[in-house]
Amino acid sequence: MGASTSGMGRLTSLRCIGVPTMGKRRKPSPLSAARTAEVEANCKHLARKPGVCRKKGCGKTLAGRQTRWCSKACATWFTNQHRWTNARRQAKSLVAHYKCAKCDGFFKTVEVNHIEPCVGERGWSCHHHEINLEVVCKNCHKKITAEQRKEGLI
């Protein structure tokens, strides 16, 4: 009915029937925007000079409509250091051939462990900084988690 078909009844146009197309970006929810602002306010790895990129060590002057980051690379750095899904992906990509940091074995799948435990912080948090993450195998992760529970850390 609003979409055209060709050949064997295959759909060729979805735009006219109101189906969202790929490539449209979702707006961040107010909750995640508020959490991001909270993390930015408390992060010790961010510079706080007005008119300057917030990534410590960058120091470039902001131009035009830029308010926090001088480039997409600096904004991506912040996301990779503070958002759990990005931080986990980044930590895995830095490890060659999925080598466990504890037993030095090589594995097909590995898990990312917080060196300093974080309880319930799976969204935006400073606990996800690269220096607080290590890539370990599943068995080592179980052992580490069991020890932390025994000590009452988690």
N, C-alpha and C. Protein backbone atom coordinates (compact mmCIF):
# COMPACT_ATOMS: atom_id res chain seq x y z
N MET A 1 0.81 -1.19 0.00
CA MET A 1 0.00 0.00 0.00
C MET A 1 0.85 1.24 0.00
N GLY A 2 1.60 1.82 0.20
CA GLY A 2 2.40 3.01 0.13
C GLY A 2 3.79 2.68 -0.31
N ALA A 3 4.19 1.42 -0.29
CA ALA A 3 5.54 1.05 -0.71
C ALA A 3 5.45 0.42 -2.07
N SER A 4 6.42 0.66 -2.89
CA SER A 4 6.41 0.06 -4.21
C SER A 4 7.12 -1.27 -4.16
N THR A 5 6.71 -2.16 -5.03
CA THR A 5 7.35 -3.47 -5.11
C THR A 5 7.88 -3.67 -6.51
N SER A 6 8.87 -4.50 -6.62
CA SER A 6 9.40 -4.82 -7.94
C SER A 6 9.69 -6.30 -8.00
N GLY A 7 9.60 -6.87 -9.17
CA GLY A 7 9.94 -8.27 -9.35
C GLY A 7 9.05 -9.18 -8.56
N MET A 8 9.60 -9.86 -7.55
CA MET A 8 8.88 -10.88 -6.80
C MET A 8 8.23 -10.33 -5.54
N GLY A 9 7.79 -9.13 -5.55
CA GLY A 9 7.10 -8.58 -4.39
C GLY A 9 8.03 -8.06 -3.31
N ARG A 10 9.28 -7.78 -3.66
CA ARG A 10 10.24 -7.28 -2.70
C ARG A 10 10.01 -5.79 -2.46
N LEU A 11 10.17 -5.34 -1.24
CA LEU A 11 9.98 -3.94 -0.89
C LEU A 11 11.18 -3.13 -1.37
N THR A 12 10.94 -2.06 -2.13
CA THR A 12 12.05 -1.25 -2.61
C THR A 12 12.11 0.12 -1.95
N SER A 13 11.01 0.59 -1.39
CA SER A 13 11.02 1.89 -0.74
C SER A 13 10.29 1.83 0.58
N LEU A 14 11.00 2.06 1.67
CA LEU A 14 10.39 2.02 2.99
C LEU A 14 10.07 3.42 3.51
N ARG A 15 10.72 4.43 2.95
CA ARG A 15 10.55 5.79 3.43
C ARG A 15 9.09 6.23 3.35
N CYS A 16 8.38 5.84 2.29
CA CYS A 16 7.02 6.33 2.09
C CYS A 16 6.01 5.68 3.03
N ILE A 17 6.38 4.59 3.73
CA ILE A 17 5.43 3.99 4.67
C ILE A 17 5.79 4.30 6.12
N GLY A 18 6.76 5.19 6.31
CA GLY A 18 7.07 5.66 7.66
C GLY A 18 8.05 4.82 8.44
N VAL A 19 8.78 3.92 7.78
CA VAL A 19 9.79 3.12 8.46
C VAL A 19 11.07 3.93 8.56
N PRO A 20 11.67 4.07 9.74
CA PRO A 20 12.89 4.86 9.86
C PRO A 20 14.01 4.25 9.03
N THR A 21 14.80 5.08 8.40
CA THR A 21 15.90 4.60 7.58
C THR A 21 17.17 4.54 8.40
N MET A 22 18.12 3.75 7.94
CA MET A 22 19.41 3.63 8.63
C MET A 22 20.15 4.96 8.53
N GLY A 23 20.98 5.24 9.48
CA GLY A 23 21.80 6.43 9.44
C GLY A 23 21.26 7.57 10.30
N LYS A 24 20.02 7.50 10.73
CA LYS A 24 19.49 8.54 11.61
C LYS A 24 20.01 8.31 13.01
N ARG A 25 20.47 9.37 13.65
CA ARG A 25 21.02 9.25 15.00
C ARG A 25 19.93 9.46 16.02
N ARG A 26 19.95 8.62 17.06
CA ARG A 26 19.02 8.79 18.18
C ARG A 26 19.49 9.91 19.06
N LYS A 27 18.55 10.69 19.56
CA LYS A 27 18.90 11.70 20.56
C LYS A 27 19.18 11.00 21.87
N PRO A 28 20.17 11.45 22.63
CA PRO A 28 20.41 10.83 23.94
C PRO A 28 19.23 11.10 24.87
N SER A 29 18.91 10.13 25.68
CA SER A 29 17.81 10.32 26.62
C SER A 29 18.23 11.35 27.67
N PRO A 30 17.27 12.06 28.27
CA PRO A 30 17.62 13.05 29.29
C PRO A 30 18.40 12.43 30.44
N LEU A 31 18.12 11.16 30.76
CA LEU A 31 18.83 10.49 31.84
C LEU A 31 20.31 10.34 31.50
N SER A 32 20.61 9.86 30.27
CA SER A 32 22.01 9.68 29.92
C SER A 32 22.71 11.03 29.77
N ALA A 33 22.01 12.06 29.30
CA ALA A 33 22.61 13.38 29.19
C ALA A 33 22.95 13.93 30.58
N ALA A 34 22.05 13.71 31.54
CA ALA A 34 22.30 14.16 32.92
C ALA A 34 23.46 13.38 33.53
N ARG A 35 23.51 12.08 33.29
CA ARG A 35 24.59 11.25 33.82
C ARG A 35 25.93 11.66 33.22
N THR A 36 25.94 11.96 31.92
CA THR A 36 27.16 12.40 31.25
C THR A 36 27.66 13.69 31.88
N ALA A 37 26.75 14.62 32.13
CA ALA A 37 27.13 15.90 32.75
C ALA A 37 27.70 15.68 34.15
N GLU A 38 27.11 14.75 34.90
CA GLU A 38 27.59 14.43 36.25
C GLU A 38 29.00 13.85 36.19
N VAL A 39 29.23 12.94 35.25
CA VAL A 39 30.55 12.32 35.10
C VAL A 39 31.57 13.39 34.71
N GLU A 40 31.20 14.26 33.76
CA GLU A 40 32.11 15.33 33.34
C GLU A 40 32.49 16.23 34.50
N ALA A 41 31.53 16.54 35.36
CA ALA A 41 31.78 17.44 36.49
C ALA A 41 32.74 16.84 37.50
N ASN A 42 32.75 15.50 37.65
CA ASN A 42 33.56 14.85 38.68
C ASN A 42 34.84 14.20 38.17
N CYS A 43 35.05 14.14 36.87
CA CYS A 43 36.20 13.42 36.32
C CYS A 43 37.49 14.21 36.51
N LYS A 44 38.50 13.55 37.09
CA LYS A 44 39.78 14.22 37.33
C LYS A 44 40.67 14.25 36.08
N HIS A 45 40.23 13.57 35.01
CA HIS A 45 41.01 13.52 33.78
C HIS A 45 40.58 14.57 32.76
N LEU A 46 39.73 15.50 33.16
CA LEU A 46 39.26 16.54 32.25
C LEU A 46 39.79 17.90 32.68
N ALA A 47 40.16 18.70 31.68
CA ALA A 47 40.60 20.07 31.94
C ALA A 47 39.36 20.95 32.15
N ARG A 48 39.48 22.00 32.91
CA ARG A 48 38.32 22.84 33.21
C ARG A 48 38.55 24.31 32.85
N LYS A 49 39.32 24.58 31.83
CA LYS A 49 39.55 25.96 31.41
C LYS A 49 38.50 26.36 30.38
N PRO A 50 37.86 27.52 30.55
CA PRO A 50 36.87 27.94 29.56
C PRO A 50 37.52 28.24 28.21
N GLY A 51 36.86 27.82 27.15
CA GLY A 51 37.34 28.10 25.80
C GLY A 51 38.41 27.14 25.31
N VAL A 52 38.71 26.09 26.11
CA VAL A 52 39.74 25.13 25.76
C VAL A 52 39.14 23.72 25.77
N CYS A 53 39.61 22.85 24.90
CA CYS A 53 39.14 21.46 24.85
C CYS A 53 39.27 20.82 26.23
N ARG A 54 38.26 20.05 26.63
CA ARG A 54 38.25 19.46 27.98
C ARG A 54 39.17 18.25 28.14
N LYS A 55 39.66 17.69 27.04
CA LYS A 55 40.57 16.54 27.17
C LYS A 55 41.90 17.04 27.71
N LYS A 56 42.31 16.49 28.87
CA LYS A 56 43.57 16.91 29.47
C LYS A 56 44.71 16.58 28.51
N GLY A 57 45.58 17.53 28.33
CA GLY A 57 46.71 17.32 27.44
C GLY A 57 46.47 17.81 26.02
N CYS A 58 45.23 18.06 25.65
CA CYS A 58 44.93 18.54 24.30
C CYS A 58 45.22 20.04 24.23
N GLY A 59 44.49 20.82 25.00
CA GLY A 59 44.76 22.25 25.11
C GLY A 59 44.41 23.11 23.91
N LYS A 60 43.76 22.54 22.89
CA LYS A 60 43.41 23.34 21.72
C LYS A 60 42.25 24.28 22.06
N THR A 61 42.28 25.45 21.45
CA THR A 61 41.24 26.44 21.65
C THR A 61 39.99 26.03 20.89
N LEU A 62 38.84 26.19 21.53
CA LEU A 62 37.57 25.86 20.89
C LEU A 62 37.20 26.96 19.91
N ALA A 63 36.65 26.56 18.77
CA ALA A 63 36.29 27.53 17.73
C ALA A 63 34.83 27.36 17.34
N GLY A 64 34.24 28.43 16.88
CA GLY A 64 32.87 28.37 16.38
C GLY A 64 31.87 27.94 17.45
N ARG A 65 31.10 26.91 17.14
CA ARG A 65 30.05 26.45 18.05
C ARG A 65 30.52 25.37 19.02
N GLN A 66 31.80 25.06 19.02
CA GLN A 66 32.33 24.04 19.92
C GLN A 66 32.24 24.54 21.36
N THR A 67 31.76 23.65 22.26
CA THR A 67 31.63 24.06 23.66
C THR A 67 32.45 23.21 24.61
N ARG A 68 32.79 21.97 24.22
CA ARG A 68 33.54 21.09 25.12
C ARG A 68 34.75 20.43 24.47
N TRP A 69 34.61 20.01 23.23
CA TRP A 69 35.66 19.23 22.57
C TRP A 69 36.10 19.94 21.29
N CYS A 70 37.40 19.89 21.01
CA CYS A 70 37.93 20.56 19.82
C CYS A 70 37.70 19.73 18.57
N SER A 71 37.51 18.41 18.74
CA SER A 71 37.35 17.54 17.57
C SER A 71 36.54 16.31 17.93
N LYS A 72 36.15 15.58 16.92
CA LYS A 72 35.42 14.33 17.11
C LYS A 72 36.30 13.33 17.86
N ALA A 73 37.60 13.36 17.62
CA ALA A 73 38.53 12.43 18.28
C ALA A 73 38.55 12.65 19.79
N CYS A 74 38.51 13.89 20.24
CA CYS A 74 38.51 14.17 21.68
C CYS A 74 37.18 13.76 22.32
N ALA A 75 36.08 13.98 21.62
CA ALA A 75 34.77 13.56 22.12
C ALA A 75 34.69 12.03 22.20
N THR A 76 35.25 11.35 21.20
CA THR A 76 35.28 9.88 21.19
C THR A 76 36.15 9.37 22.33
N TRP A 77 37.26 10.04 22.61
CA TRP A 77 38.11 9.66 23.73
C TRP A 77 37.31 9.67 25.02
N PHE A 78 36.53 10.73 25.26
CA PHE A 78 35.72 10.83 26.47
C PHE A 78 34.73 9.67 26.56
N THR A 79 34.04 9.39 25.47
CA THR A 79 33.06 8.31 25.45
C THR A 79 33.73 6.97 25.71
N ASN A 80 34.88 6.73 25.09
CA ASN A 80 35.59 5.45 25.27
C ASN A 80 36.13 5.27 26.68
N GLN A 81 36.32 6.35 27.42
CA GLN A 81 36.82 6.26 28.78
C GLN A 81 35.73 6.19 29.84
N HIS A 82 34.49 6.54 29.48
CA HIS A 82 33.45 6.68 30.50
C HIS A 82 32.19 5.84 30.27
N ARG A 83 31.90 5.44 29.07
CA ARG A 83 30.70 4.65 28.79
C ARG A 83 31.11 3.18 28.73
N TRP A 84 30.45 2.33 29.51
CA TRP A 84 30.86 0.95 29.71
C TRP A 84 30.98 0.18 28.40
N THR A 85 30.00 0.25 27.52
CA THR A 85 30.06 -0.54 26.28
C THR A 85 31.25 -0.12 25.42
N ASN A 86 31.52 1.17 25.35
CA ASN A 86 32.66 1.66 24.58
C ASN A 86 33.98 1.31 25.25
N ALA A 87 34.04 1.46 26.57
CA ALA A 87 35.28 1.17 27.31
C ALA A 87 35.65 -0.30 27.19
N ARG A 88 34.65 -1.18 27.28
CA ARG A 88 34.89 -2.62 27.16
C ARG A 88 35.42 -2.96 25.77
N ARG A 89 34.78 -2.40 24.74
CA ARG A 89 35.22 -2.64 23.36
C ARG A 89 36.64 -2.12 23.15
N GLN A 90 36.92 -0.93 23.67
CA GLN A 90 38.24 -0.33 23.54
C GLN A 90 39.30 -1.18 24.24
N ALA A 91 39.02 -1.66 25.43
CA ALA A 91 39.99 -2.48 26.17
C ALA A 91 40.29 -3.77 25.42
N LYS A 92 39.27 -4.40 24.86
CA LYS A 92 39.48 -5.64 24.09
C LYS A 92 40.29 -5.38 22.83
N SER A 93 40.08 -4.24 22.21
CA SER A 93 40.79 -3.95 20.95
C SER A 93 42.28 -3.68 21.19
N LEU A 94 42.65 -3.27 22.40
CA LEU A 94 44.05 -2.97 22.70
C LEU A 94 44.87 -4.21 23.02
N VAL A 95 44.20 -5.33 23.28
CA VAL A 95 44.90 -6.55 23.66
C VAL A 95 45.11 -7.41 22.42
N ALA A 96 46.35 -7.76 22.16
CA ALA A 96 46.66 -8.58 20.98
C ALA A 96 46.24 -10.03 21.21
N HIS A 97 45.46 -10.55 20.31
CA HIS A 97 45.06 -11.97 20.30
C HIS A 97 44.37 -12.42 21.58
N TYR A 98 43.68 -11.53 22.24
CA TYR A 98 42.92 -11.87 23.45
C TYR A 98 43.76 -12.63 24.47
N LYS A 99 44.78 -11.99 24.94
CA LYS A 99 45.67 -12.57 25.94
C LYS A 99 45.19 -12.16 27.33
N CYS A 100 45.08 -13.14 28.23
CA CYS A 100 44.64 -12.89 29.60
C CYS A 100 45.76 -12.18 30.37
N ALA A 101 45.40 -11.13 31.09
CA ALA A 101 46.38 -10.35 31.86
C ALA A 101 46.87 -11.10 33.10
N LYS A 102 46.13 -12.10 33.58
CA LYS A 102 46.49 -12.83 34.80
C LYS A 102 47.28 -14.10 34.51
N CYS A 103 46.75 -14.97 33.63
CA CYS A 103 47.40 -16.27 33.41
C CYS A 103 48.22 -16.31 32.12
N ASP A 104 48.25 -15.23 31.36
CA ASP A 104 48.99 -15.11 30.10
C ASP A 104 48.58 -16.12 29.03
N GLY A 105 47.39 -16.72 29.17
CA GLY A 105 46.89 -17.63 28.16
C GLY A 105 46.20 -16.87 27.04
N PHE A 106 46.04 -17.52 25.89
CA PHE A 106 45.34 -16.93 24.75
C PHE A 106 43.99 -17.59 24.62
N PHE A 107 42.93 -16.79 24.42
CA PHE A 107 41.57 -17.31 24.41
C PHE A 107 40.76 -16.70 23.28
N LYS A 108 39.73 -17.43 22.82
CA LYS A 108 38.84 -16.91 21.78
C LYS A 108 37.97 -15.78 22.33
N THR A 109 37.51 -15.95 23.55
CA THR A 109 36.68 -14.91 24.18
C THR A 109 37.31 -14.53 25.52
N VAL A 110 37.23 -13.26 25.81
CA VAL A 110 37.77 -12.75 27.07
C VAL A 110 36.74 -11.82 27.70
N GLU A 111 36.97 -11.47 28.95
CA GLU A 111 36.10 -10.55 29.68
C GLU A 111 36.94 -9.38 30.17
N VAL A 112 36.28 -8.27 30.36
CA VAL A 112 36.96 -7.07 30.84
C VAL A 112 36.63 -6.91 32.32
N ASN A 113 37.68 -6.82 33.13
CA ASN A 113 37.53 -6.72 34.58
C ASN A 113 37.93 -5.33 35.06
N HIS A 114 37.19 -4.82 36.03
CA HIS A 114 37.56 -3.57 36.68
C HIS A 114 38.58 -3.90 37.78
N ILE A 115 39.75 -3.31 37.73
CA ILE A 115 40.78 -3.56 38.75
C ILE A 115 40.27 -3.07 40.10
N GLU A 116 39.79 -1.83 40.15
CA GLU A 116 39.10 -1.33 41.33
C GLU A 116 37.62 -1.61 41.09
N PRO A 117 37.02 -2.49 41.88
CA PRO A 117 35.65 -2.92 41.60
C PRO A 117 34.65 -1.76 41.55
N CYS A 118 33.71 -1.88 40.65
CA CYS A 118 32.62 -0.91 40.60
C CYS A 118 31.31 -1.69 40.68
N VAL A 119 30.48 -1.31 41.59
CA VAL A 119 29.23 -2.02 41.83
C VAL A 119 28.10 -1.24 41.18
N GLY A 120 27.44 -1.87 40.21
CA GLY A 120 26.26 -1.29 39.59
C GLY A 120 26.51 -0.16 38.60
N GLU A 121 27.75 0.19 38.33
CA GLU A 121 28.06 1.28 37.41
C GLU A 121 28.27 0.74 36.01
N ARG A 122 27.19 0.46 35.31
CA ARG A 122 27.32 -0.11 33.97
C ARG A 122 27.11 0.91 32.87
N GLY A 123 26.67 2.11 33.19
CA GLY A 123 26.44 3.14 32.18
C GLY A 123 27.64 4.05 32.07
N TRP A 124 27.47 5.29 32.46
CA TRP A 124 28.53 6.28 32.43
C TRP A 124 29.19 6.36 33.81
N SER A 125 30.52 6.24 33.84
CA SER A 125 31.22 6.29 35.11
C SER A 125 32.72 6.47 34.89
N CYS A 126 33.38 7.06 35.87
CA CYS A 126 34.84 7.18 35.82
C CYS A 126 35.52 5.85 36.17
N HIS A 127 34.76 4.86 36.62
CA HIS A 127 35.32 3.53 36.89
C HIS A 127 35.76 2.84 35.60
N HIS A 128 35.30 3.33 34.46
CA HIS A 128 35.59 2.67 33.18
C HIS A 128 36.83 3.24 32.49
N HIS A 129 37.63 4.02 33.20
CA HIS A 129 38.87 4.54 32.60
C HIS A 129 39.77 3.37 32.22
N GLU A 130 40.50 3.56 31.15
CA GLU A 130 41.39 2.53 30.63
C GLU A 130 42.36 1.99 31.69
N ILE A 131 42.83 2.84 32.58
CA ILE A 131 43.79 2.41 33.59
C ILE A 131 43.15 1.52 34.66
N ASN A 132 41.82 1.48 34.73
CA ASN A 132 41.13 0.65 35.71
C ASN A 132 40.59 -0.64 35.09
N LEU A 133 40.90 -0.91 33.83
CA LEU A 133 40.38 -2.11 33.16
C LEU A 133 41.51 -3.05 32.78
N GLU A 134 41.21 -4.35 32.88
CA GLU A 134 42.14 -5.36 32.42
C GLU A 134 41.35 -6.46 31.71
N VAL A 135 41.97 -7.06 30.70
CA VAL A 135 41.32 -8.11 29.93
C VAL A 135 41.79 -9.45 30.49
N VAL A 136 40.83 -10.28 30.91
CA VAL A 136 41.14 -11.57 31.52
C VAL A 136 40.25 -12.66 30.92
N CYS A 137 40.67 -13.91 31.07
CA CYS A 137 39.86 -15.03 30.60
C CYS A 137 38.69 -15.24 31.57
N LYS A 138 37.75 -16.05 31.17
CA LYS A 138 36.56 -16.27 31.98
C LYS A 138 36.89 -16.89 33.34
N ASN A 139 37.80 -17.87 33.36
CA ASN A 139 38.17 -18.53 34.62
C ASN A 139 38.83 -17.56 35.60
N CYS A 140 39.75 -16.74 35.10
CA CYS A 140 40.41 -15.76 35.96
C CYS A 140 39.42 -14.73 36.46
N HIS A 141 38.48 -14.33 35.61
CA HIS A 141 37.48 -13.35 36.02
C HIS A 141 36.61 -13.91 37.13
N LYS A 142 36.26 -15.20 37.04
CA LYS A 142 35.48 -15.83 38.11
C LYS A 142 36.24 -15.84 39.42
N LYS A 143 37.54 -16.15 39.36
CA LYS A 143 38.37 -16.18 40.56
C LYS A 143 38.49 -14.78 41.19
N ILE A 144 38.73 -13.79 40.35
CA ILE A 144 38.87 -12.40 40.83
C ILE A 144 37.58 -11.94 41.50
N THR A 145 36.46 -12.21 40.84
CA THR A 145 35.15 -11.81 41.37
C THR A 145 34.86 -12.51 42.69
N ALA A 146 35.20 -13.81 42.77
CA ALA A 146 34.97 -14.56 44.02
C ALA A 146 35.80 -13.98 45.16
N GLU A 147 37.06 -13.63 44.88
CA GLU A 147 37.92 -13.03 45.90
C GLU A 147 37.36 -11.67 46.37
N GLN A 148 36.89 -10.88 45.41
CA GLN A 148 36.34 -9.57 45.77
C GLN A 148 35.07 -9.70 46.61
N ARG A 149 34.25 -10.70 46.30
CA ARG A 149 33.05 -10.94 47.10
C ARG A 149 33.43 -11.38 48.52
N LYS A 150 34.46 -12.24 48.60
CA LYS A 150 34.92 -12.73 49.89
C LYS A 150 35.42 -11.59 50.77
N GLU A 151 36.09 -10.61 50.13
CA GLU A 151 36.62 -9.46 50.85
C GLU A 151 35.56 -8.39 51.11
N GLY A 152 34.36 -8.57 50.55
CA GLY A 152 33.28 -7.62 50.75
C GLY A 152 33.36 -6.38 49.89
N LEU A 153 34.15 -6.45 48.82
CA LEU A 153 34.29 -5.29 47.93
C LEU A 153 33.10 -5.14 46.98
N ILE A 154 32.48 -6.28 46.66
CA ILE A 154 31.29 -6.23 45.78
C ILE A 154 30.17 -7.03 46.38
